[in-house]
Amino acid sequence: MIVVTGATGNVGRSLVRVLAEAGEQVLATSRGISEADVPQGVRHRRADLTAPDGLRPVFDGADALFLQSGSGAHLISPQDILDAAKAGGVTRVVLLSSQGVATRPESPSHGAVMRSIEDAVRESGLDWTILRPGGLDSNRYAWAEPVRTQRTIAAPFAGVGLPVVDPDDVAEVAAAVLREDGHTGRVYTLTGPAPVTPQEQAEAIGAAIGEPIRFVEQTRDEALAQMVRFMPEPVAKTTLAILGEPTPEEQRVSPDVERVLGRAPRPFAAWAHRNAAAFR
């Protein structure tokens, strides 16, 4: 059995579906999960990674774990989670980490916290694999409301491109790593097939819904003022640094999606077409 944490998120939800379609036994977990969140026939259970004392029963009979800490990474005790997993029978763990561990090690949010979780996974005694995606295509759900109501997108750094990755590609890589041998001790950086700018992403969304989208380029200060409404200021500033002054590594297209899946990663336009309903 494979335990999937964060099963209601953009990556976790797709991973549960991919594993179930492959015939795997899956236990989908998150703090607020319900029957409506999982495919028919998939077991689900509410579990809070910040309360490891209650996790032991979750792992009973499991042999693999997909560990995703989400926005609460700074609140979890990875060692306690991994100890509970081992006690339940888990022998393999796949961690969803962040490219920022390598490219922004000085950042408490993007680097240091996830590095500490990676270190715990490496030292756990389990067979481990670490996935480090860059930005996810699904981050653009933040544009959905202004597109629906005003057909407008406001964002900074209109011409700066990053190779954002489709969360379904991340999920398919995770499924392959969980099910196949040969990935133990590997760290995979996951990106899309090419850098794509915010302006180009807006155009792709417009094409997907069949209507033009007006793009308004924000200043850095305007973007910061908007972002601090829903994230701590240090996190917002690091995010803006990645978006505005990406390192060469953050702009590089990684071969790892194709290396694992045997096909090229999906372009942003494919994600936009698949999720057009969210923007209509």
Protein backbone atom coordinates (compact mmCIF):
# COMPACT_ATOMS: atom_id res chain seq x y z
CA MET A 1 0.00 0.00 0.00
CA ILE A 2 1.13 3.54 -0.79
CA VAL A 3 0.28 6.39 1.58
CA VAL A 4 -0.10 9.75 -0.16
CA THR A 5 0.05 12.81 2.09
CA GLY A 6 -1.24 16.13 0.80
CA ALA A 7 -3.73 14.16 -1.28
CA THR A 8 -6.05 17.13 -1.87
CA GLY A 9 -3.30 19.32 -3.35
CA ASN A 10 -2.52 19.88 -7.02
CA VAL A 11 0.20 17.21 -7.08
CA GLY A 12 -1.28 14.83 -4.50
CA ARG A 13 -4.72 14.67 -6.09
CA SER A 14 -3.23 13.74 -9.46
CA LEU A 15 -0.86 11.23 -7.86
CA VAL A 16 -3.73 9.40 -6.15
CA ARG A 17 -5.55 9.15 -9.48
CA VAL A 18 -2.47 7.91 -11.37
CA LEU A 19 -1.69 5.28 -8.75
CA ALA A 20 -5.29 4.09 -8.56
CA GLU A 21 -5.49 3.79 -12.35
CA ALA A 22 -2.33 1.68 -12.23
CA GLY A 23 -4.03 -0.73 -9.84
CA GLU A 24 -2.10 0.24 -6.71
CA GLN A 25 -3.60 0.18 -3.24
CA VAL A 26 -3.61 3.78 -2.07
CA LEU A 27 -4.43 5.51 1.19
CA ALA A 28 -5.05 9.21 0.49
CA THR A 29 -4.52 11.53 3.45
CA SER A 30 -4.80 15.20 4.32
CA ARG A 31 -6.21 17.22 7.18
CA GLY A 32 -9.63 17.79 5.60
CA ILE A 33 -9.97 14.97 3.10
CA SER A 34 -13.41 13.55 2.27
CA GLU A 35 -14.86 10.93 -0.05
CA ALA A 36 -15.45 13.60 -2.70
CA ASP A 37 -11.70 14.26 -2.89
CA VAL A 38 -10.64 10.78 -4.06
CA PRO A 39 -11.50 8.46 -6.96
CA GLN A 40 -14.10 5.79 -6.33
CA GLY A 41 -12.69 2.86 -4.41
CA VAL A 42 -9.68 4.73 -3.00
CA ARG A 43 -9.34 4.67 0.78
CA HIS A 44 -8.97 8.01 2.51
CA ARG A 45 -8.18 9.10 6.04
CA ARG A 46 -7.76 12.44 7.73
CA ALA A 47 -4.22 12.93 9.00
CA ASP A 48 -2.35 15.96 10.29
CA LEU A 49 1.40 15.91 9.74
CA THR A 50 1.84 18.50 12.48
CA ALA A 51 0.45 15.97 15.00
CA PRO A 52 2.73 12.95 14.50
CA ASP A 53 1.43 11.11 17.59
CA GLY A 54 -1.72 10.30 15.63
CA LEU A 55 0.03 9.11 12.48
CA ARG A 56 1.07 5.62 13.54
CA PRO A 57 -2.23 3.93 12.50
CA VAL A 58 -2.11 5.68 9.11
CA PHE A 59 0.98 3.71 8.10
CA ASP A 60 -0.09 0.25 9.26
CA GLY A 61 0.35 -2.12 6.34
CA ALA A 62 1.97 0.48 4.07
CA ASP A 63 5.23 -0.10 2.24
CA ALA A 64 5.70 3.30 0.55
CA LEU A 65 5.10 6.95 1.43
CA PHE A 66 4.72 10.09 -0.64
CA LEU A 67 5.61 12.90 1.74
CA GLN A 68 4.40 16.40 0.96
CA SER A 69 4.53 18.97 3.72
CA GLY A 70 2.85 21.79 1.80
CA SER A 71 2.73 25.26 3.28
CA GLY A 72 3.14 23.86 6.79
CA ALA A 73 6.68 22.58 6.25
CA HIS A 74 8.02 24.72 9.09
CA LEU A 75 5.49 23.17 11.51
CA ILE A 76 6.23 19.48 11.02
CA SER A 77 8.73 17.18 12.69
CA PRO A 78 10.00 15.08 9.78
CA GLN A 79 11.84 12.68 12.07
CA ASP A 80 8.64 11.86 13.97
CA ILE A 81 6.73 11.32 10.73
CA LEU A 82 9.42 9.04 9.33
CA ASP A 83 9.67 7.09 12.58
CA ALA A 84 5.91 6.49 12.49
CA ALA A 85 6.15 5.43 8.85
CA LYS A 86 8.92 2.94 9.58
CA ALA A 87 7.00 1.53 12.52
CA GLY A 88 4.06 0.92 10.21
CA GLY A 89 6.15 -1.00 7.69
CA VAL A 90 7.14 1.68 5.18
CA THR A 91 10.44 0.97 3.42
CA ARG A 92 10.35 3.60 0.63
CA VAL A 93 9.75 7.35 0.84
CA VAL A 94 9.43 9.89 -1.96
CA LEU A 95 9.69 13.50 -0.79
CA LEU A 96 8.21 16.44 -2.66
CA SER A 97 10.76 19.14 -1.92
CA SER A 98 11.64 22.33 -3.81
CA GLN A 99 14.24 23.47 -6.30
CA GLY A 100 14.89 26.33 -3.89
CA VAL A 101 16.85 23.96 -1.65
CA ALA A 102 19.62 24.12 -4.25
CA THR A 103 19.08 27.58 -5.74
CA ARG A 104 18.04 29.61 -2.67
CA PRO A 105 19.78 27.91 0.27
CA GLU A 106 19.93 31.21 2.18
CA SER A 107 16.13 31.53 2.17
CA PRO A 108 14.46 30.25 5.36
CA SER A 109 11.28 29.32 3.45
CA HIS A 110 12.57 28.17 0.07
CA GLY A 111 15.83 26.61 1.22
CA ALA A 112 16.53 25.97 4.89
CA VAL A 113 13.24 24.41 5.99
CA MET A 114 13.03 22.01 3.08
CA ARG A 115 16.73 21.20 3.41
CA SER A 116 16.10 20.05 6.98
CA ILE A 117 13.29 17.77 5.78
CA GLU A 118 15.50 16.42 2.98
CA ASP A 119 18.24 15.69 5.52
CA ALA A 120 15.81 13.77 7.72
CA VAL A 121 14.68 11.70 4.73
CA ARG A 122 18.28 10.93 3.74
CA GLU A 123 19.13 9.85 7.27
CA SER A 124 15.92 7.85 7.84
CA GLY A 125 17.29 4.46 6.82
CA LEU A 126 14.49 4.17 4.22
CA ASP A 127 14.95 3.89 0.46
CA TRP A 128 14.49 7.52 -0.54
CA THR A 129 14.03 9.70 -3.60
CA ILE A 130 13.69 13.49 -3.58
CA LEU A 131 11.70 15.48 -6.15
CA ARG A 132 12.55 19.17 -6.53
CA PRO A 133 10.08 20.93 -8.81
CA GLY A 134 10.47 24.55 -9.77
CA GLY A 135 7.35 26.69 -10.06
CA LEU A 136 4.12 24.80 -10.76
CA ASP A 137 1.76 25.70 -13.60
CA SER A 138 -1.06 25.49 -11.07
CA ASN A 139 0.27 28.58 -9.28
CA ARG A 140 -1.62 30.43 -12.02
CA TYR A 141 -4.92 29.51 -10.41
CA ALA A 142 -4.23 32.74 -8.51
CA TRP A 143 -5.17 34.52 -11.75
CA ALA A 144 -8.49 32.72 -12.13
CA GLU A 145 -10.77 35.23 -10.40
CA PRO A 146 -9.53 38.37 -12.23
CA VAL A 147 -9.62 36.47 -15.53
CA ARG A 148 -13.20 35.32 -14.92
CA THR A 149 -14.46 38.71 -13.79
CA GLN A 150 -12.31 41.21 -15.70
CA ARG A 151 -10.41 39.24 -18.38
CA THR A 152 -7.30 40.83 -16.88
CA ILE A 153 -4.05 39.52 -15.43
CA ALA A 154 -1.70 41.69 -13.38
CA ALA A 155 1.80 40.36 -12.69
CA PRO A 156 5.39 41.60 -12.46
CA PHE A 157 8.34 40.81 -14.74
CA ALA A 158 6.29 40.30 -17.91
CA GLY A 159 9.27 39.23 -20.02
CA VAL A 160 11.15 36.98 -17.57
CA GLY A 161 10.70 33.30 -18.36
CA LEU A 162 10.89 30.27 -16.08
CA PRO A 163 10.40 26.60 -17.07
CA VAL A 164 7.35 26.05 -14.87
CA VAL A 165 6.21 22.44 -14.56
CA ASP A 166 2.81 20.78 -14.90
CA PRO A 167 1.74 19.29 -11.53
CA ASP A 168 0.47 16.24 -13.42
CA ASP A 169 4.01 15.63 -14.66
CA VAL A 170 5.28 15.87 -11.08
CA ALA A 171 2.60 13.38 -10.04
CA GLU A 172 3.49 10.95 -12.83
CA VAL A 173 7.17 11.11 -11.90
CA ALA A 174 6.25 10.46 -8.26
CA ALA A 175 4.11 7.49 -9.27
CA ALA A 176 6.93 6.00 -11.35
CA VAL A 177 9.44 6.45 -8.54
CA LEU A 178 7.07 4.92 -5.99
CA ARG A 179 6.36 1.88 -8.18
CA GLU A 180 9.69 1.20 -9.90
CA ASP A 181 13.15 0.20 -8.76
CA GLY A 182 16.26 2.15 -9.70
CA HIS A 183 15.43 5.52 -8.15
CA THR A 184 16.81 5.08 -4.64
CA GLY A 185 19.17 7.87 -3.57
CA ARG A 186 18.27 10.07 -6.55
CA VAL A 187 17.35 13.75 -6.54
CA TYR A 188 15.27 14.81 -9.53
CA THR A 189 14.80 18.45 -10.57
CA LEU A 190 11.46 18.78 -12.35
CA THR A 191 10.75 21.55 -14.87
CA GLY A 192 8.65 22.16 -17.93
CA PRO A 193 10.01 21.93 -21.49
CA ALA A 194 10.96 25.61 -21.92
CA PRO A 195 10.98 28.93 -20.07
CA VAL A 196 7.65 30.73 -20.40
CA THR A 197 7.05 34.35 -19.39
CA PRO A 198 4.03 35.70 -17.50
CA GLN A 199 2.98 37.49 -20.70
CA GLU A 200 3.12 34.20 -22.61
CA GLN A 201 1.21 32.41 -19.86
CA ALA A 202 -1.54 35.02 -20.06
CA GLU A 203 -1.72 34.55 -23.83
CA ALA A 204 -1.96 30.77 -23.37
CA ILE A 205 -4.84 31.15 -20.92
CA GLY A 206 -6.59 33.50 -23.35
CA ALA A 207 -6.19 30.95 -26.14
CA ALA A 208 -7.53 28.22 -23.86
CA ILE A 209 -10.74 30.11 -23.06
CA GLY A 210 -11.07 31.60 -26.55
CA GLU A 211 -10.99 35.22 -25.41
CA PRO A 212 -8.21 37.83 -25.23
CA ILE A 213 -6.70 38.58 -21.84
CA ARG A 214 -5.42 42.04 -20.97
CA PHE A 215 -2.01 41.85 -19.30
CA VAL A 216 -0.96 44.59 -16.86
CA GLU A 217 2.66 44.57 -15.72
CA GLN A 218 3.01 45.35 -12.03
CA THR A 219 5.96 47.03 -10.40
CA ARG A 220 7.87 45.00 -7.83
CA ASP A 221 6.35 47.08 -5.02
CA GLU A 222 2.82 46.55 -6.35
CA ALA A 223 3.38 42.82 -6.56
CA LEU A 224 4.89 42.72 -3.06
CA ALA A 225 1.93 44.60 -1.58
CA GLN A 226 -0.43 42.06 -3.16
CA MET A 227 1.57 38.99 -2.12
CA VAL A 228 1.99 39.92 1.55
CA ARG A 229 -1.78 39.68 1.93
CA PHE A 230 -1.47 35.88 1.84
CA MET A 231 2.18 35.04 2.61
CA PRO A 232 4.90 36.28 5.00
CA GLU A 233 6.95 39.15 3.63
CA PRO A 234 10.28 37.23 3.55
CA VAL A 235 8.62 34.48 1.49
CA ALA A 236 7.12 37.06 -0.85
CA LYS A 237 10.48 38.80 -1.33
CA THR A 238 12.27 35.55 -2.14
CA THR A 239 9.49 34.59 -4.56
CA LEU A 240 9.83 37.94 -6.31
CA ALA A 241 13.59 37.46 -6.54
CA ILE A 242 13.04 34.12 -8.28
CA LEU A 243 10.46 35.62 -10.63
CA GLY A 244 12.45 38.75 -11.41
CA GLU A 245 16.11 37.73 -11.17
CA PRO A 246 16.18 33.95 -11.59
CA THR A 247 19.52 32.19 -11.35
CA PRO A 248 20.81 30.31 -14.41
CA GLU A 249 19.84 27.06 -12.68
CA GLU A 250 16.28 28.30 -12.13
CA GLN A 251 15.99 29.05 -15.85
CA ARG A 252 17.56 25.79 -16.97
CA VAL A 253 15.35 23.07 -18.42
CA SER A 254 16.00 19.84 -16.53
CA PRO A 255 16.03 16.49 -18.37
CA ASP A 256 14.67 14.61 -15.35
CA VAL A 257 10.97 14.45 -16.30
CA GLU A 258 11.89 12.88 -19.63
CA ARG A 259 14.54 10.70 -17.97
CA VAL A 260 11.94 9.16 -15.65
CA LEU A 261 8.85 9.12 -17.89
CA GLY A 262 10.43 8.58 -21.30
CA ARG A 263 8.64 11.60 -22.76
CA ALA A 264 9.03 15.36 -22.74
CA PRO A 265 7.25 17.39 -20.07
CA ARG A 266 3.98 19.06 -21.02
CA PRO A 267 4.06 22.76 -22.02
CA PHE A 268 2.19 25.41 -20.05
CA ALA A 269 -0.36 25.77 -22.86
CA ALA A 270 -1.43 22.15 -22.34
CA TRP A 271 -2.07 22.81 -18.65
CA ALA A 272 -4.05 25.96 -19.54
CA HIS A 273 -6.26 24.08 -22.01
CA ARG A 274 -6.83 21.23 -19.57
CA ASN A 275 -7.89 23.67 -16.84
CA ALA A 276 -9.65 26.30 -18.96
CA ALA A 277 -12.89 25.91 -17.01
CA ALA A 278 -11.27 27.51 -13.96
CA PHE A 279 -10.71 30.70 -15.94
CA ARG A 280 -14.06 30.94 -17.72
